Amino acid sequence: MEKENLPLILGSASSERLVLLKSIGIIPDEVISVDLDETERKKEKAYHYCKRVAQEKFFAVAKIIKSKKSILITSDTTAVASGKLLHKTYDDKILREYFKLISGKRHKVISAVCCGIVENNEVESIRTKVVESTVSVKKMHDIEIEAFIASKEGLGKAGGYTLKGLMACNVKQINGSFYSILGLPLYETSQLLNSLGYKR
């Protein structure tokens, strides 16, 4: 029996994730964002933090979906260096601290994606994948760090940077998922959607 093609909801305020989905032919029927307290818990590891936040977004968005039945995607991305979570920031001082942690070293970027079915604002099913990648950054001179901060490219980005633009000149190597580092692991997202019967 052929599965019904349900409307697709993206639960994210990130325009980057919308662009990434569109690049593989997936266009959500609606984008819904929620404000959550994303404060990390005491001694919470980056993997568990990222997974928890993505799932909390899923359940929060599920409560306000207007469609009777739909497929929902939520995700979260964070970076971790020297045991410290590098959250999104709009503070130049914090960005400088981030670059001291990642300059000349390797750090991890973790993305969690949740896909599932929501019916009458109740979660019928939820499936989660967590992807870990490693990014190696060259030793950056102060002038390079200041130029990047001045560009404003890293504001509001996990880890304080995006792989697009100026930062691309400073990344030596990536082990893992390039798209996950941008904010959404496309392979894993596509596989989850396929498992739910979603059709492009």
N, C-alpha and C. Protein backbone atom coordinates (compact mmCIF):
# COMPACT_ATOMS: atom_id res chain seq x y z
N MET A 1 0.85 -1.20 0.00
CA MET A 1 0.00 0.00 0.00
C MET A 1 0.89 1.25 0.00
N GLU A 2 0.59 2.18 -0.88
CA GLU A 2 1.40 3.40 -1.00
C GLU A 2 1.12 4.34 0.16
N LYS A 3 2.21 4.85 0.73
CA LYS A 3 2.06 5.76 1.86
C LYS A 3 1.59 7.13 1.40
N GLU A 4 0.81 7.78 2.24
CA GLU A 4 0.32 9.10 1.89
C GLU A 4 1.45 10.13 1.99
N ASN A 5 1.44 11.07 1.06
CA ASN A 5 2.49 12.09 1.03
C ASN A 5 2.07 13.25 1.93
N LEU A 6 2.60 13.26 3.13
CA LEU A 6 2.21 14.25 4.13
C LEU A 6 2.94 15.56 3.91
N PRO A 7 2.34 16.68 4.35
CA PRO A 7 3.06 17.96 4.29
C PRO A 7 4.31 17.89 5.15
N LEU A 8 5.34 18.61 4.73
CA LEU A 8 6.63 18.60 5.42
C LEU A 8 6.84 19.93 6.14
N ILE A 9 7.13 19.85 7.43
CA ILE A 9 7.36 21.04 8.25
C ILE A 9 8.82 21.07 8.68
N LEU A 10 9.47 22.21 8.50
CA LEU A 10 10.83 22.40 9.01
C LEU A 10 10.74 23.24 10.28
N GLY A 11 11.19 22.68 11.38
CA GLY A 11 11.17 23.42 12.65
C GLY A 11 12.53 24.05 12.90
N SER A 12 12.76 25.19 12.29
CA SER A 12 14.08 25.81 12.41
C SER A 12 14.03 27.27 12.01
N ALA A 13 14.79 28.10 12.74
CA ALA A 13 14.88 29.51 12.38
C ALA A 13 16.02 29.76 11.40
N SER A 14 16.77 28.70 11.07
CA SER A 14 17.96 28.83 10.23
C SER A 14 17.62 28.83 8.75
N SER A 15 17.92 29.94 8.08
CA SER A 15 17.71 30.01 6.64
C SER A 15 18.69 29.07 5.91
N GLU A 16 19.84 28.81 6.55
CA GLU A 16 20.84 27.92 5.96
C GLU A 16 20.28 26.51 5.78
N ARG A 17 19.53 26.03 6.76
CA ARG A 17 18.96 24.69 6.66
C ARG A 17 17.91 24.61 5.55
N LEU A 18 17.18 25.68 5.38
CA LEU A 18 16.19 25.72 4.30
C LEU A 18 16.89 25.65 2.95
N VAL A 19 17.98 26.37 2.80
CA VAL A 19 18.75 26.36 1.56
C VAL A 19 19.34 24.97 1.31
N LEU A 20 19.85 24.34 2.37
CA LEU A 20 20.43 23.00 2.22
C LEU A 20 19.38 21.99 1.75
N LEU A 21 18.19 22.04 2.34
CA LEU A 21 17.13 21.13 1.91
C LEU A 21 16.74 21.37 0.45
N LYS A 22 16.63 22.62 0.07
CA LYS A 22 16.27 22.95 -1.30
C LYS A 22 17.31 22.44 -2.29
N SER A 23 18.57 22.39 -1.84
CA SER A 23 19.64 21.94 -2.74
C SER A 23 19.50 20.47 -3.13
N ILE A 24 18.76 19.68 -2.33
CA ILE A 24 18.52 18.28 -2.68
C ILE A 24 17.05 18.05 -3.06
N GLY A 25 16.40 19.12 -3.45
CA GLY A 25 15.04 19.00 -3.98
C GLY A 25 13.95 18.86 -2.94
N ILE A 26 14.24 19.22 -1.71
CA ILE A 26 13.24 19.12 -0.65
C ILE A 26 12.81 20.52 -0.25
N ILE A 27 11.55 20.83 -0.48
CA ILE A 27 11.03 22.15 -0.14
C ILE A 27 9.92 22.01 0.89
N PRO A 28 10.18 22.41 2.11
CA PRO A 28 9.16 22.28 3.16
C PRO A 28 7.89 23.07 2.83
N ASP A 29 6.77 22.56 3.26
CA ASP A 29 5.50 23.25 3.07
C ASP A 29 5.37 24.42 4.03
N GLU A 30 6.09 24.34 5.14
CA GLU A 30 6.01 25.40 6.15
C GLU A 30 7.28 25.38 7.01
N VAL A 31 7.67 26.55 7.49
CA VAL A 31 8.79 26.66 8.43
C VAL A 31 8.25 27.26 9.72
N ILE A 32 8.47 26.57 10.83
CA ILE A 32 7.98 27.02 12.13
C ILE A 32 9.16 27.07 13.10
N SER A 33 9.29 28.18 13.80
CA SER A 33 10.37 28.32 14.77
C SER A 33 9.80 28.50 16.18
N VAL A 34 10.55 28.04 17.14
CA VAL A 34 10.17 28.20 18.55
C VAL A 34 11.37 28.73 19.32
N ASP A 35 11.08 29.44 20.40
CA ASP A 35 12.14 29.92 21.28
C ASP A 35 12.29 28.93 22.44
N LEU A 36 13.47 28.38 22.57
CA LEU A 36 13.73 27.43 23.65
C LEU A 36 14.91 27.90 24.49
N ASP A 37 14.93 27.48 25.73
CA ASP A 37 16.10 27.70 26.57
C ASP A 37 17.11 26.61 26.20
N GLU A 38 18.17 27.00 25.51
CA GLU A 38 19.15 26.03 25.04
C GLU A 38 20.40 25.98 25.94
N THR A 39 20.22 26.36 27.18
CA THR A 39 21.32 26.32 28.13
C THR A 39 21.76 24.88 28.36
N GLU A 40 23.05 24.64 28.31
CA GLU A 40 23.54 23.28 28.56
C GLU A 40 23.40 22.93 30.03
N ARG A 41 23.20 21.67 30.29
CA ARG A 41 23.07 21.19 31.66
C ARG A 41 24.45 20.89 32.25
N LYS A 42 24.52 20.85 33.56
CA LYS A 42 25.79 20.61 34.24
C LYS A 42 26.41 19.30 33.80
N LYS A 43 27.66 19.37 33.37
CA LYS A 43 28.45 18.22 32.93
C LYS A 43 27.86 17.53 31.69
N GLU A 44 27.01 18.21 30.95
CA GLU A 44 26.40 17.63 29.76
C GLU A 44 27.39 17.61 28.60
N LYS A 45 27.58 16.46 28.01
CA LYS A 45 28.49 16.32 26.88
C LYS A 45 27.84 16.88 25.62
N ALA A 46 28.67 17.31 24.67
CA ALA A 46 28.18 17.95 23.45
C ALA A 46 27.22 17.05 22.68
N TYR A 47 27.53 15.76 22.58
CA TYR A 47 26.68 14.80 21.85
C TYR A 47 25.28 14.79 22.44
N HIS A 48 25.21 14.64 23.76
CA HIS A 48 23.92 14.55 24.43
C HIS A 48 23.18 15.88 24.41
N TYR A 49 23.94 16.97 24.52
CA TYR A 49 23.34 18.30 24.45
C TYR A 49 22.65 18.51 23.10
N CYS A 50 23.37 18.22 22.04
CA CYS A 50 22.85 18.45 20.70
C CYS A 50 21.61 17.59 20.42
N LYS A 51 21.69 16.33 20.81
CA LYS A 51 20.55 15.42 20.62
C LYS A 51 19.34 15.89 21.41
N ARG A 52 19.57 16.29 22.66
CA ARG A 52 18.47 16.75 23.51
C ARG A 52 17.79 17.99 22.94
N VAL A 53 18.58 18.97 22.52
CA VAL A 53 18.00 20.22 22.01
C VAL A 53 17.20 19.97 20.74
N ALA A 54 17.73 19.13 19.84
CA ALA A 54 16.99 18.81 18.61
C ALA A 54 15.66 18.16 18.93
N GLN A 55 15.66 17.27 19.91
CA GLN A 55 14.42 16.58 20.29
C GLN A 55 13.46 17.52 21.01
N GLU A 56 13.99 18.41 21.84
CA GLU A 56 13.12 19.37 22.51
C GLU A 56 12.47 20.31 21.50
N LYS A 57 13.21 20.70 20.47
CA LYS A 57 12.63 21.51 19.40
C LYS A 57 11.49 20.75 18.73
N PHE A 58 11.71 19.46 18.50
CA PHE A 58 10.71 18.64 17.83
C PHE A 58 9.39 18.64 18.60
N PHE A 59 9.46 18.37 19.89
CA PHE A 59 8.25 18.30 20.69
C PHE A 59 7.59 19.68 20.86
N ALA A 60 8.41 20.73 20.91
CA ALA A 60 7.86 22.08 21.05
C ALA A 60 7.13 22.51 19.78
N VAL A 61 7.73 22.23 18.62
CA VAL A 61 7.10 22.60 17.34
C VAL A 61 5.85 21.76 17.12
N ALA A 62 5.91 20.48 17.50
CA ALA A 62 4.76 19.59 17.31
C ALA A 62 3.50 20.15 17.95
N LYS A 63 3.65 20.83 19.05
CA LYS A 63 2.49 21.36 19.78
C LYS A 63 1.77 22.49 19.06
N ILE A 64 2.46 23.13 18.10
CA ILE A 64 1.85 24.31 17.46
C ILE A 64 1.62 24.14 15.95
N ILE A 65 1.86 22.94 15.43
CA ILE A 65 1.60 22.67 14.02
C ILE A 65 0.09 22.73 13.76
N LYS A 66 -0.29 23.39 12.69
CA LYS A 66 -1.71 23.51 12.37
C LYS A 66 -2.22 22.36 11.51
N SER A 67 -1.33 21.73 10.76
CA SER A 67 -1.74 20.60 9.91
C SER A 67 -2.21 19.44 10.79
N LYS A 68 -3.22 18.73 10.32
CA LYS A 68 -3.75 17.60 11.07
C LYS A 68 -2.69 16.51 11.23
N LYS A 69 -1.96 16.25 10.14
CA LYS A 69 -0.91 15.24 10.16
C LYS A 69 0.22 15.68 9.25
N SER A 70 1.45 15.57 9.71
CA SER A 70 2.57 16.06 8.90
C SER A 70 3.87 15.37 9.32
N ILE A 71 4.88 15.55 8.47
CA ILE A 71 6.24 15.12 8.79
C ILE A 71 7.00 16.35 9.28
N LEU A 72 7.71 16.19 10.37
CA LEU A 72 8.44 17.31 10.97
C LEU A 72 9.93 17.01 11.02
N ILE A 73 10.73 18.03 10.68
CA ILE A 73 12.19 17.95 10.80
C ILE A 73 12.65 19.04 11.77
N THR A 74 13.48 18.66 12.73
CA THR A 74 14.17 19.66 13.56
C THR A 74 15.63 19.24 13.67
N SER A 75 16.48 20.18 14.01
CA SER A 75 17.90 19.85 14.14
C SER A 75 18.61 20.85 15.04
N ASP A 76 19.81 20.47 15.42
CA ASP A 76 20.65 21.37 16.20
C ASP A 76 22.11 21.06 15.88
N THR A 77 22.92 22.09 15.85
CA THR A 77 24.35 21.94 15.57
C THR A 77 25.14 22.69 16.63
N THR A 78 26.19 22.06 17.13
CA THR A 78 27.07 22.73 18.08
C THR A 78 28.51 22.31 17.83
N ALA A 79 29.42 23.10 18.29
CA ALA A 79 30.85 22.77 18.19
C ALA A 79 31.41 22.62 19.60
N VAL A 80 32.47 21.83 19.71
CA VAL A 80 33.10 21.64 21.02
C VAL A 80 34.62 21.62 20.84
N ALA A 81 35.31 22.38 21.67
CA ALA A 81 36.78 22.44 21.63
C ALA A 81 37.30 22.46 23.05
N SER A 82 38.28 21.62 23.32
CA SER A 82 38.87 21.53 24.67
C SER A 82 37.81 21.33 25.74
N GLY A 83 36.77 20.57 25.40
CA GLY A 83 35.70 20.27 26.35
C GLY A 83 34.69 21.37 26.54
N LYS A 84 34.82 22.47 25.81
CA LYS A 84 33.90 23.61 25.95
C LYS A 84 32.96 23.67 24.75
N LEU A 85 31.67 23.78 25.02
CA LEU A 85 30.70 23.95 23.95
C LEU A 85 30.75 25.37 23.42
N LEU A 86 30.86 25.49 22.11
CA LEU A 86 30.95 26.79 21.47
C LEU A 86 29.59 27.15 20.88
N HIS A 87 28.76 27.75 21.69
CA HIS A 87 27.40 28.07 21.29
C HIS A 87 27.36 29.26 20.33
N LYS A 88 26.22 29.42 19.69
CA LYS A 88 26.01 30.59 18.82
C LYS A 88 26.18 31.85 19.66
N THR A 89 26.82 32.85 19.09
CA THR A 89 27.02 34.09 19.82
C THR A 89 26.99 35.29 18.88
N TYR A 90 26.66 36.43 19.44
CA TYR A 90 26.69 37.69 18.69
C TYR A 90 27.68 38.66 19.35
N ASP A 91 28.55 38.11 20.19
CA ASP A 91 29.50 38.89 20.96
C ASP A 91 30.92 38.72 20.39
N ASP A 92 31.54 39.80 19.96
CA ASP A 92 32.87 39.73 19.37
C ASP A 92 33.90 39.18 20.36
N LYS A 93 33.76 39.54 21.62
CA LYS A 93 34.71 39.08 22.64
C LYS A 93 34.67 37.55 22.76
N ILE A 94 33.46 37.01 22.75
CA ILE A 94 33.31 35.55 22.84
C ILE A 94 33.86 34.89 21.59
N LEU A 95 33.67 35.50 20.42
CA LEU A 95 34.22 34.96 19.18
C LEU A 95 35.74 34.85 19.26
N ARG A 96 36.39 35.86 19.82
CA ARG A 96 37.86 35.82 19.98
C ARG A 96 38.26 34.65 20.87
N GLU A 97 37.48 34.40 21.92
CA GLU A 97 37.77 33.28 22.82
C GLU A 97 37.62 31.95 22.07
N TYR A 98 36.61 31.87 21.22
CA TYR A 98 36.40 30.66 20.42
C TYR A 98 37.61 30.39 19.53
N PHE A 99 38.10 31.45 18.86
CA PHE A 99 39.19 31.27 17.92
C PHE A 99 40.50 30.91 18.62
N LYS A 100 40.66 31.32 19.86
CA LYS A 100 41.82 30.89 20.63
C LYS A 100 41.76 29.38 20.89
N LEU A 101 40.55 28.86 21.00
CA LEU A 101 40.37 27.44 21.26
C LEU A 101 40.53 26.57 20.01
N ILE A 102 40.15 27.10 18.84
CA ILE A 102 40.19 26.28 17.63
C ILE A 102 41.39 26.55 16.73
N SER A 103 42.05 27.69 16.89
CA SER A 103 43.18 28.05 16.03
C SER A 103 44.34 27.08 16.22
N GLY A 104 44.80 26.49 15.11
CA GLY A 104 45.92 25.57 15.14
C GLY A 104 45.60 24.21 15.72
N LYS A 105 44.30 23.91 15.87
CA LYS A 105 43.90 22.65 16.50
C LYS A 105 42.74 22.00 15.73
N ARG A 106 42.36 20.84 16.23
CA ARG A 106 41.17 20.17 15.73
C ARG A 106 40.04 20.32 16.75
N HIS A 107 38.82 20.43 16.25
CA HIS A 107 37.67 20.46 17.14
C HIS A 107 36.53 19.69 16.49
N LYS A 108 35.51 19.40 17.26
CA LYS A 108 34.38 18.63 16.75
C LYS A 108 33.17 19.51 16.51
N VAL A 109 32.42 19.16 15.47
CA VAL A 109 31.12 19.77 15.21
C VAL A 109 30.10 18.64 15.20
N ILE A 110 29.05 18.83 15.97
CA ILE A 110 28.04 17.78 16.13
C ILE A 110 26.69 18.31 15.68
N SER A 111 26.02 17.53 14.85
CA SER A 111 24.67 17.89 14.40
C SER A 111 23.72 16.74 14.71
N ALA A 112 22.56 17.08 15.23
CA ALA A 112 21.51 16.10 15.46
C ALA A 112 20.31 16.49 14.63
N VAL A 113 19.70 15.51 13.98
CA VAL A 113 18.49 15.77 13.20
C VAL A 113 17.40 14.81 13.64
N CYS A 114 16.20 15.34 13.81
CA CYS A 114 15.02 14.55 14.18
C CYS A 114 14.00 14.62 13.05
N CYS A 115 13.47 13.49 12.67
CA CYS A 115 12.37 13.44 11.71
C CYS A 115 11.28 12.53 12.28
N GLY A 116 10.05 12.91 12.06
CA GLY A 116 8.98 12.08 12.58
C GLY A 116 7.61 12.54 12.11
N ILE A 117 6.61 11.81 12.57
CA ILE A 117 5.22 12.09 12.21
C ILE A 117 4.52 12.76 13.39
N VAL A 118 3.82 13.83 13.10
CA VAL A 118 3.01 14.52 14.11
C VAL A 118 1.56 14.50 13.65
N GLU A 119 0.68 14.05 14.51
CA GLU A 119 -0.75 14.00 14.19
C GLU A 119 -1.55 14.64 15.31
N ASN A 120 -2.35 15.63 14.94
CA ASN A 120 -3.16 16.35 15.93
C ASN A 120 -2.32 16.84 17.10
N ASN A 121 -1.15 17.37 16.76
CA ASN A 121 -0.19 17.94 17.73
C ASN A 121 0.40 16.93 18.71
N GLU A 122 0.25 15.66 18.38
CA GLU A 122 0.86 14.60 19.18
C GLU A 122 1.94 13.92 18.35
N VAL A 123 3.06 13.60 18.98
CA VAL A 123 4.17 12.95 18.28
C VAL A 123 3.84 11.47 18.12
N GLU A 124 3.62 11.08 16.86
CA GLU A 124 3.31 9.68 16.56
C GLU A 124 4.59 8.86 16.48
N SER A 125 5.64 9.47 15.92
CA SER A 125 6.94 8.80 15.84
C SER A 125 8.03 9.84 15.74
N ILE A 126 9.23 9.50 16.20
CA ILE A 126 10.37 10.39 16.09
C ILE A 126 11.63 9.53 15.93
N ARG A 127 12.46 9.92 14.97
CA ARG A 127 13.71 9.21 14.71
C ARG A 127 14.84 10.24 14.72
N THR A 128 15.93 9.90 15.37
CA THR A 128 17.02 10.86 15.55
C THR A 128 18.35 10.28 15.08
N LYS A 129 19.12 11.09 14.38
CA LYS A 129 20.48 10.73 13.99
C LYS A 129 21.41 11.83 14.47
N VAL A 130 22.56 11.44 15.01
CA VAL A 130 23.57 12.39 15.45
C VAL A 130 24.84 12.15 14.66
N VAL A 131 25.38 13.20 14.09
CA VAL A 131 26.57 13.10 13.24
C VAL A 131 27.70 13.93 13.84
N GLU A 132 28.85 13.29 14.02
CA GLU A 132 30.03 13.99 14.54
C GLU A 132 31.07 14.14 13.44
N SER A 133 31.61 15.34 13.32
CA SER A 133 32.66 15.62 12.35
C SER A 133 33.81 16.32 13.04
N THR A 134 34.99 16.19 12.47
CA THR A 134 36.18 16.84 13.02
C THR A 134 36.71 17.86 12.03
N VAL A 135 36.99 19.06 12.52
CA VAL A 135 37.49 20.15 11.69
C VAL A 135 38.88 20.54 12.17
N SER A 136 39.84 20.57 11.25
CA SER A 136 41.20 20.98 11.58
C SER A 136 41.43 22.39 11.05
N VAL A 137 41.77 23.31 11.95
CA VAL A 137 41.96 24.72 11.59
C VAL A 137 43.44 25.08 11.67
N LYS A 138 43.92 25.82 10.70
CA LYS A 138 45.32 26.24 10.72
C LYS A 138 45.55 27.25 11.84
N LYS A 139 46.81 27.48 12.17
CA LYS A 139 47.13 28.50 13.16
C LYS A 139 46.82 29.86 12.55
N MET A 140 45.88 30.56 13.15
CA MET A 140 45.44 31.84 12.61
C MET A 140 46.15 33.01 13.30
N HIS A 141 46.63 33.95 12.52
CA HIS A 141 47.24 35.15 13.08
C HIS A 141 46.14 36.08 13.59
N ASP A 142 46.51 36.95 14.51
CA ASP A 142 45.54 37.88 15.08
C ASP A 142 44.84 38.69 14.01
N ILE A 143 45.58 39.10 12.98
CA ILE A 143 44.99 39.92 11.92
C ILE A 143 43.93 39.15 11.14
N GLU A 144 44.13 37.83 11.00
CA GLU A 144 43.16 36.99 10.30
C GLU A 144 41.91 36.81 11.16
N ILE A 145 42.11 36.64 12.45
CA ILE A 145 40.98 36.49 13.37
C ILE A 145 40.14 37.77 13.39
N GLU A 146 40.82 38.90 13.46
CA GLU A 146 40.11 40.18 13.50
C GLU A 146 39.36 40.44 12.20
N ALA A 147 39.96 40.04 11.09
CA ALA A 147 39.29 40.22 9.78
C ALA A 147 38.02 39.38 9.71
N PHE A 148 38.09 38.16 10.25
CA PHE A 148 36.91 37.31 10.24
C PHE A 148 35.83 37.87 11.14
N ILE A 149 36.22 38.31 12.34
CA ILE A 149 35.24 38.89 13.26
C ILE A 149 34.59 40.13 12.65
N ALA A 150 35.39 40.94 11.98
CA ALA A 150 34.87 42.16 11.35
C ALA A 150 33.90 41.85 10.22
N SER A 151 34.06 40.69 9.59
CA SER A 151 33.18 40.31 8.48
C SER A 151 31.76 39.98 8.94
N LYS A 152 31.60 39.67 10.23
CA LYS A 152 30.31 39.31 10.84
C LYS A 152 29.78 37.96 10.35
N GLU A 153 30.60 37.21 9.61
CA GLU A 153 30.15 35.94 9.06
C GLU A 153 29.84 34.90 10.14
N GLY A 154 30.53 35.01 11.27
CA GLY A 154 30.36 33.99 12.30
C GLY A 154 29.29 34.27 13.34
N LEU A 155 28.66 35.43 13.23
CA LEU A 155 27.64 35.77 14.23
C LEU A 155 26.44 34.82 14.14
N GLY A 156 26.05 34.29 15.27
CA GLY A 156 24.90 33.40 15.30
C GLY A 156 25.15 32.02 14.75
N LYS A 157 26.44 31.66 14.57
CA LYS A 157 26.79 30.36 14.02
C LYS A 157 27.39 29.48 15.12
N ALA A 158 27.07 28.20 15.08
CA ALA A 158 27.68 27.26 16.02
C ALA A 158 29.19 27.26 15.83
N GLY A 159 29.92 27.39 16.91
CA GLY A 159 31.37 27.44 16.81
C GLY A 159 31.91 28.80 16.45
N GLY A 160 31.02 29.74 16.14
CA GLY A 160 31.45 31.09 15.80
C GLY A 160 31.92 31.28 14.38
N TYR A 161 31.61 30.31 13.49
CA TYR A 161 32.02 30.46 12.10
C TYR A 161 31.12 29.66 11.17
N THR A 162 31.22 29.96 9.89
CA THR A 162 30.59 29.16 8.85
C THR A 162 31.69 28.76 7.88
N LEU A 163 31.54 27.61 7.25
CA LEU A 163 32.56 27.15 6.30
C LEU A 163 32.55 27.95 5.00
N LYS A 164 31.51 28.71 4.81
CA LYS A 164 31.44 29.54 3.61
C LYS A 164 32.15 30.87 3.87
N GLY A 165 32.71 31.46 2.86
CA GLY A 165 33.34 32.77 3.03
C GLY A 165 34.77 32.68 3.53
N LEU A 166 35.17 33.65 4.36
CA LEU A 166 36.56 33.79 4.78
C LEU A 166 37.11 32.57 5.52
N MET A 167 36.28 31.91 6.31
CA MET A 167 36.77 30.80 7.12
C MET A 167 37.27 29.64 6.26
N ALA A 168 36.79 29.53 5.04
CA ALA A 168 37.20 28.45 4.16
C ALA A 168 38.71 28.45 3.93
N CYS A 169 39.35 29.62 4.04
CA CYS A 169 40.80 29.73 3.85
C CYS A 169 41.59 29.20 5.04
N ASN A 170 40.91 28.97 6.15
CA ASN A 170 41.59 28.58 7.38
C ASN A 170 41.35 27.13 7.79
N VAL A 171 40.47 26.45 7.06
CA VAL A 171 40.15 25.06 7.38
C VAL A 171 41.05 24.12 6.58
N LYS A 172 41.90 23.38 7.28
CA LYS A 172 42.86 22.50 6.62
C LYS A 172 42.23 21.17 6.20
N GLN A 173 41.36 20.65 7.06
CA GLN A 173 40.82 19.32 6.79
C GLN A 173 39.50 19.11 7.52
N ILE A 174 38.64 18.33 6.89
CA ILE A 174 37.37 17.96 7.50
C ILE A 174 37.25 16.44 7.45
N ASN A 175 36.95 15.84 8.56
CA ASN A 175 36.64 14.40 8.61
C ASN A 175 35.20 14.27 9.07
N GLY A 176 34.35 13.81 8.16
CA GLY A 176 32.94 13.70 8.51
C GLY A 176 32.06 14.30 7.44
N SER A 177 30.99 14.94 7.87
CA SER A 177 29.97 15.45 6.96
C SER A 177 30.09 16.97 6.80
N PHE A 178 30.42 17.41 5.60
CA PHE A 178 30.51 18.84 5.30
C PHE A 178 29.17 19.53 5.56
N TYR A 179 28.07 18.89 5.12
CA TYR A 179 26.76 19.52 5.27
C TYR A 179 26.30 19.56 6.72
N SER A 180 26.74 18.58 7.50
CA SER A 180 26.43 18.60 8.92
C SER A 180 27.06 19.82 9.58
N ILE A 181 28.28 20.14 9.18
CA ILE A 181 28.97 21.31 9.74
C ILE A 181 28.26 22.60 9.33
N LEU A 182 27.67 22.60 8.14
CA LEU A 182 26.89 23.77 7.71
C LEU A 182 25.58 23.89 8.47
N GLY A 183 25.13 22.79 9.09
CA GLY A 183 23.91 22.89 9.90
C GLY A 183 22.89 21.79 9.74
N LEU A 184 23.08 20.92 8.71
CA LEU A 184 22.10 19.84 8.51
C LEU A 184 22.75 18.69 7.75
N PRO A 185 22.89 17.52 8.37
CA PRO A 185 23.47 16.38 7.66
C PRO A 185 22.48 15.86 6.60
N LEU A 186 22.75 16.17 5.35
CA LEU A 186 21.77 15.91 4.29
C LEU A 186 21.55 14.42 4.03
N TYR A 187 22.60 13.63 4.05
CA TYR A 187 22.43 12.19 3.80
C TYR A 187 21.51 11.58 4.86
N GLU A 188 21.82 11.84 6.12
CA GLU A 188 21.04 11.26 7.21
C GLU A 188 19.60 11.78 7.20
N THR A 189 19.43 13.07 6.89
CA THR A 189 18.09 13.65 6.82
C THR A 189 17.28 12.98 5.71
N SER A 190 17.91 12.82 4.55
CA SER A 190 17.24 12.17 3.42
C SER A 190 16.84 10.74 3.75
N GLN A 191 17.73 10.00 4.41
CA GLN A 191 17.42 8.62 4.78
C GLN A 191 16.26 8.54 5.77
N LEU A 192 16.24 9.46 6.73
CA LEU A 192 15.14 9.48 7.69
C LEU A 192 13.81 9.79 7.01
N LEU A 193 13.83 10.76 6.11
CA LEU A 193 12.61 11.12 5.38
C LEU A 193 12.12 9.95 4.52
N ASN A 194 13.06 9.27 3.87
CA ASN A 194 12.69 8.11 3.05
C ASN A 194 12.03 7.04 3.90
N SER A 195 12.55 6.84 5.10
CA SER A 195 12.00 5.82 5.99
C SER A 195 10.57 6.15 6.45
N LEU A 196 10.24 7.44 6.37
CA LEU A 196 8.89 7.88 6.75
C LEU A 196 7.93 7.93 5.55
N GLY A 197 8.45 7.60 4.38
CA GLY A 197 7.62 7.58 3.18
C GLY A 197 7.50 8.91 2.48
N TYR A 198 8.38 9.86 2.83
CA TYR A 198 8.31 11.18 2.19
C TYR A 198 8.78 11.08 0.74
N LYS A 199 8.04 11.77 -0.14
CA LYS A 199 8.40 11.80 -1.56
C LYS A 199 8.69 13.23 -1.99
N ARG A 200 9.79 13.41 -2.71
CA ARG A 200 10.13 14.74 -3.22
C ARG A 200 9.15 15.14 -4.30
